[in-house]
Amino acid sequence: MDTSDLKILRMLLTDARMPLSLIARQLGISQPAAQKRIEKMKANGILIGSTVLLNGSKIGWKRAMVALNVRKAGYDATLAALAKLPMVSGVYQCTGPYGILVELLGPAGVINGVVAHIKGMKGVIESCPISIVEKVV
């Protein structure tokens, strides 16, 4: 990766739907050259897709995190089970007393039910649910 690739990444992080023509213009390169750089980053696993950002509060949804301390035995099975749950938007391995962080997004009532289910899952020793009120930065 060079500075042009980093500039492309910054542009796409700002707007994943930025037109290729605008990316090329801002870099001072041709549109096919910009497309080739993006395709190379996709092929190398640097870019793995695009996403939609949702303001869940506008439709009555909430975002929550659940930090989990789980047993070492069955750890991989717990990760796989968490990833299959409805409303789970991410499962992360972490350092510290909680080895797993689960990100949830959905209707408040459904999220509460998923959190309760996670707390009772086999292998979960301790959980710390966190409701996110508002992103400020």
Protein backbone atom coordinates (compact mmCIF):
# COMPACT_ATOMS: atom_id res chain seq x y z
CA MET A 1 0.00 0.00 0.00
CA ASP A 2 1.18 3.48 -0.79
CA THR A 3 -0.07 6.98 0.00
CA SER A 4 -2.61 6.88 -2.84
CA ASP A 5 -4.12 3.67 -1.45
CA LEU A 6 -4.33 5.27 2.00
CA LYS A 7 -6.07 8.31 0.49
CA ILE A 8 -8.58 6.01 -1.21
CA LEU A 9 -9.24 4.26 2.10
CA ARG A 10 -9.84 7.59 3.84
CA MET A 11 -12.26 8.67 1.10
CA LEU A 12 -14.17 5.39 1.23
CA LEU A 13 -14.35 5.48 5.03
CA THR A 14 -15.91 8.92 4.72
CA ASP A 15 -18.32 7.83 1.98
CA ALA A 16 -18.38 4.17 0.90
CA ARG A 17 -20.50 5.16 -2.11
CA MET A 18 -18.11 7.85 -3.36
CA PRO A 19 -18.09 7.80 -7.17
CA LEU A 20 -14.99 6.33 -8.74
CA SER A 21 -14.69 9.43 -10.93
CA LEU A 22 -14.39 11.65 -7.83
CA ILE A 23 -11.80 9.36 -6.24
CA ALA A 24 -9.73 9.44 -9.44
CA ARG A 25 -10.04 13.22 -9.75
CA GLN A 26 -8.95 13.81 -6.14
CA LEU A 27 -5.92 11.56 -6.63
CA GLY A 28 -5.05 12.98 -10.05
CA ILE A 29 -5.21 9.57 -11.72
CA SER A 30 -7.44 7.95 -14.32
CA GLN A 31 -10.69 6.27 -13.35
CA PRO A 32 -9.42 2.82 -14.50
CA ALA A 33 -6.28 3.30 -12.35
CA ALA A 34 -8.42 4.13 -9.30
CA GLN A 35 -10.64 1.11 -9.98
CA LYS A 36 -7.57 -1.13 -10.30
CA ARG A 37 -6.25 0.08 -6.93
CA ILE A 38 -9.61 -0.61 -5.26
CA GLU A 39 -9.86 -4.06 -6.84
CA LYS A 40 -6.32 -4.88 -5.66
CA MET A 41 -7.24 -3.85 -2.09
CA LYS A 42 -10.32 -6.09 -2.31
CA ALA A 43 -8.26 -9.00 -3.64
CA ASN A 44 -5.75 -8.56 -0.79
CA GLY A 45 -8.53 -8.57 1.81
CA ILE A 46 -7.96 -4.94 2.82
CA LEU A 47 -11.40 -3.87 1.62
CA ILE A 48 -14.01 -6.47 2.51
CA GLY A 49 -17.18 -4.72 1.43
CA SER A 50 -19.21 -1.64 2.12
CA THR A 51 -21.79 -0.92 4.75
CA VAL A 52 -24.84 1.15 5.53
CA LEU A 53 -24.79 3.32 8.63
CA LEU A 54 -28.14 3.37 10.37
CA ASN A 55 -29.44 5.83 12.92
CA GLY A 56 -31.33 3.20 14.87
CA SER A 57 -32.83 5.69 17.32
CA LYS A 58 -34.88 7.18 14.46
CA ILE A 59 -36.74 3.86 14.13
CA GLY A 60 -36.81 2.83 17.77
CA TRP A 61 -33.76 0.56 17.69
CA LYS A 62 -30.99 0.49 20.22
CA ARG A 63 -27.35 -0.51 20.13
CA ALA A 64 -25.87 -2.53 22.95
CA MET A 65 -22.68 -4.32 23.83
CA VAL A 66 -22.28 -7.36 26.05
CA ALA A 67 -18.84 -8.09 27.45
CA LEU A 68 -18.42 -11.77 28.29
CA ASN A 69 -16.09 -13.88 30.35
CA VAL A 70 -16.44 -17.43 29.01
CA ARG A 71 -14.95 -20.81 29.82
CA LYS A 72 -11.89 -21.79 27.82
CA ALA A 73 -13.40 -25.18 27.09
CA GLY A 74 -15.88 -24.61 24.29
CA TYR A 75 -14.65 -21.07 23.59
CA ASP A 76 -14.79 -21.52 19.79
CA ALA A 77 -18.26 -23.06 20.01
CA THR A 78 -19.42 -20.07 22.07
CA LEU A 79 -18.05 -17.66 19.44
CA ALA A 80 -19.84 -19.56 16.69
CA ALA A 81 -23.13 -19.64 18.63
CA LEU A 82 -22.94 -15.90 19.32
CA ALA A 83 -22.38 -15.09 15.66
CA LYS A 84 -25.61 -16.92 14.72
CA LEU A 85 -27.85 -14.99 17.11
CA PRO A 86 -30.36 -12.50 15.70
CA MET A 87 -29.44 -8.82 15.98
CA VAL A 88 -25.72 -9.60 16.50
CA SER A 89 -23.79 -7.14 14.34
CA GLY A 90 -20.33 -8.12 15.58
CA VAL A 91 -18.42 -10.50 17.82
CA TYR A 92 -14.96 -9.42 18.93
CA GLN A 93 -12.14 -11.11 20.82
CA CYS A 94 -10.77 -8.78 23.50
CA THR A 95 -8.09 -8.49 26.12
CA GLY A 96 -8.77 -7.97 29.81
CA PRO A 97 -11.20 -9.70 32.14
CA TYR A 98 -13.81 -10.06 29.39
CA GLY A 99 -12.56 -12.08 26.43
CA ILE A 100 -15.50 -11.51 24.11
CA LEU A 101 -17.47 -8.39 23.19
CA VAL A 102 -20.79 -8.84 21.41
CA GLU A 103 -22.33 -5.91 19.51
CA LEU A 104 -26.11 -5.89 19.06
CA LEU A 105 -28.43 -3.67 17.04
CA GLY A 106 -32.19 -3.96 16.78
CA PRO A 107 -35.55 -3.20 18.36
CA ALA A 108 -35.19 -2.56 22.10
CA GLY A 109 -37.42 -5.45 23.18
CA VAL A 110 -35.63 -7.92 20.93
CA ILE A 111 -32.20 -6.71 22.08
CA ASN A 112 -33.20 -7.17 25.71
CA GLY A 113 -34.26 -10.75 24.96
CA VAL A 114 -31.02 -11.52 23.11
CA VAL A 115 -28.98 -10.11 26.02
CA ALA A 116 -30.91 -12.33 28.46
CA HIS A 117 -30.29 -15.33 26.21
CA ILE A 118 -26.55 -14.58 25.99
CA LYS A 119 -26.29 -14.35 29.79
CA GLY A 120 -27.73 -17.87 30.07
CA MET A 121 -25.63 -19.47 27.33
CA LYS A 122 -23.54 -22.53 28.14
CA GLY A 123 -19.97 -21.48 28.84
CA VAL A 124 -20.75 -17.90 29.87
CA ILE A 125 -19.23 -17.27 33.30
CA GLU A 126 -19.95 -13.56 33.62
CA SER A 127 -21.53 -10.87 31.48
CA CYS A 128 -21.61 -7.10 31.49
CA PRO A 129 -24.34 -5.61 29.26
CA ILE A 130 -23.93 -2.01 28.13
CA SER A 131 -26.66 0.02 26.42
CA ILE A 132 -25.28 2.70 24.14
CA VAL A 133 -27.28 5.89 24.52
CA GLU A 134 -25.69 8.14 21.90
CA LYS A 135 -22.55 8.36 19.80
CA VAL A 136 -20.99 11.76 20.50
CA VAL A 137 -17.93 11.75 18.25
